[in-house]
Protein backbone atom coordinates (compact mmCIF):
# COMPACT_ATOMS: atom_id res chain seq x y z
CA MET A 1 0.00 0.00 0.00
CA ALA A 2 1.39 3.46 -1.05
CA ASN A 3 1.89 6.30 1.38
CA ARG A 4 -0.84 8.94 0.90
CA ALA A 5 1.69 11.82 1.31
CA GLU A 6 3.31 10.93 -2.02
CA ASP A 7 0.13 11.20 -4.10
CA GLY A 8 0.44 15.01 -4.72
CA PHE A 9 -1.32 18.12 -3.56
CA THR A 10 -4.87 18.23 -2.35
CA LEU A 11 -7.46 20.55 -3.88
CA VAL A 12 -7.43 22.73 -0.74
CA GLU A 13 -3.63 23.18 -0.97
CA VAL A 14 -3.81 24.14 -4.65
CA LEU A 15 -6.61 26.64 -4.01
CA ALA A 16 -4.70 28.16 -1.09
CA ALA A 17 -1.61 28.56 -3.29
CA VAL A 18 -3.68 30.22 -6.05
CA VAL A 19 -5.24 32.64 -3.56
CA VAL A 20 -1.84 33.58 -2.12
CA LEU A 21 -0.42 34.14 -5.64
CA ALA A 22 -3.46 36.23 -6.64
CA ILE A 23 -3.07 38.47 -3.59
CA ALA A 24 0.67 38.88 -4.22
CA ILE A 25 0.21 39.69 -7.92
CA GLY A 26 -2.67 42.07 -7.16
CA SER A 27 -0.64 44.02 -4.61
CA ILE A 28 2.34 44.26 -6.99
CA MET A 29 0.06 45.54 -9.77
CA LEU A 30 -1.42 48.12 -7.37
CA VAL A 31 2.04 49.41 -6.45
CA PHE A 32 3.05 49.72 -10.11
CA SER A 33 -0.18 51.44 -11.14
CA ASN A 34 0.16 53.97 -8.31
CA GLY A 35 3.76 54.60 -9.34
CA LEU A 36 2.79 55.12 -12.98
CA GLY A 37 0.06 57.55 -11.95
CA MET A 38 2.54 59.52 -9.87
CA VAL A 39 5.01 59.63 -12.78
CA TRP A 40 2.25 60.89 -15.11
CA ARG A 41 1.17 63.62 -12.68
CA THR A 42 4.75 64.73 -12.14
CA GLY A 43 5.32 64.90 -15.90
CA ALA A 44 2.14 66.93 -16.41
CA ARG A 45 3.21 69.39 -13.69
CA GLY A 46 6.65 69.66 -15.26
CA GLN A 47 5.09 70.46 -18.65
CA ALA A 48 2.87 73.12 -17.06
CA LEU A 49 5.84 74.74 -15.32
CA HIS A 50 7.86 74.60 -18.53
CA ALA A 51 5.02 76.36 -20.36
CA ALA A 52 4.93 79.03 -17.63
CA GLU A 53 8.68 79.52 -17.99
CA GLY A 54 8.12 79.98 -21.74
CA ASP A 55 5.49 82.64 -21.05
CA ILE A 56 7.91 84.44 -18.75
CA ALA A 57 10.66 84.25 -21.38
CA GLU A 58 8.30 85.72 -24.01
CA LYS A 59 7.41 88.62 -21.72
CA ILE A 60 11.07 89.29 -21.00
CA ALA A 61 11.96 89.10 -24.70
CA ALA A 62 9.16 91.54 -25.52
CA GLY A 63 10.75 93.95 -23.04
CA THR A 64 7.44 95.02 -21.56
CA GLY A 65 8.88 95.91 -18.16
CA SER A 66 5.53 97.11 -16.83
CA ASN A 67 3.93 96.50 -13.47
CA ASP A 68 0.91 94.87 -15.11
CA ASP A 69 2.50 91.73 -16.57
CA GLN A 70 0.60 88.48 -16.09
CA ILE A 71 1.29 84.84 -16.76
CA VAL A 72 -1.18 81.97 -16.65
CA ILE A 73 -0.10 78.59 -15.28
CA ARG A 74 -2.31 75.68 -16.33
CA PHE A 75 -2.15 72.36 -14.49
CA PRO A 76 -4.15 69.35 -15.69
CA GLY A 77 -7.49 69.02 -13.95
CA ILE A 78 -7.67 72.55 -12.54
CA GLU A 79 -8.45 75.97 -13.91
CA GLY A 80 -5.55 78.20 -14.98
CA ILE A 81 -3.84 80.24 -12.27
CA THR A 82 -3.12 83.86 -13.24
CA VAL A 83 -0.08 85.40 -11.60
CA SER A 84 0.35 89.16 -11.74
CA GLY A 85 3.70 90.81 -11.33
CA ARG A 86 6.38 92.65 -13.23
CA THR A 87 9.46 91.86 -15.28
CA GLU A 88 12.59 93.56 -14.13
CA PRO A 89 16.20 93.48 -15.35
CA VAL A 90 18.92 93.24 -12.72
CA THR A 91 22.47 94.11 -13.76
CA SER A 92 25.53 93.18 -11.74
CA ASN A 93 29.31 93.31 -12.00
CA VAL A 94 31.35 90.37 -10.77
CA ARG A 95 35.13 90.42 -11.15
CA GLY A 96 34.97 92.89 -13.99
CA HIS A 97 32.25 91.03 -15.90
CA SER A 98 28.86 92.65 -16.29
CA PHE A 99 25.73 90.55 -16.72
CA THR A 100 21.99 91.17 -16.70
CA ILE A 101 19.32 88.82 -15.44
CA HIS A 102 15.67 89.39 -16.33
CA ALA A 103 13.20 88.10 -13.77
CA PHE A 104 9.44 87.92 -13.35
CA ILE A 105 8.59 89.15 -9.86
CA PRO A 106 5.09 88.22 -8.69
CA ARG A 107 2.98 90.55 -6.59
CA LYS A 108 2.42 89.79 -2.94
CA GLY A 109 -1.24 89.75 -1.96
CA GLY A 110 -2.38 91.89 -4.90
CA GLY A 111 -0.06 94.81 -4.14
CA LEU A 112 3.27 95.65 -5.66
CA PRO A 113 6.18 93.50 -4.48
């Protein structure tokens, strides 16, 4: 007579193994999908900030230099944010070299910075 332990796995053991594998695979897929969503959101924010930087560069290149400059920052899923401020050139001398930096300076609380 053969030993029953050598016959193979029982149906309960196989089902338990399948359930454990399904839970493990499901949790791994959840981690990866959350990670992909985070990467997508970060990329979308980066594109929005890059577009805002382009708007600032256009205003600086136009040489407006007024106190009424505005840029609009658009993030996916929300309405555009309008930022009021002014563009201002700042010139400096360092070790005999002169350079100018143009910056967009936002207003604080609606007033001038």
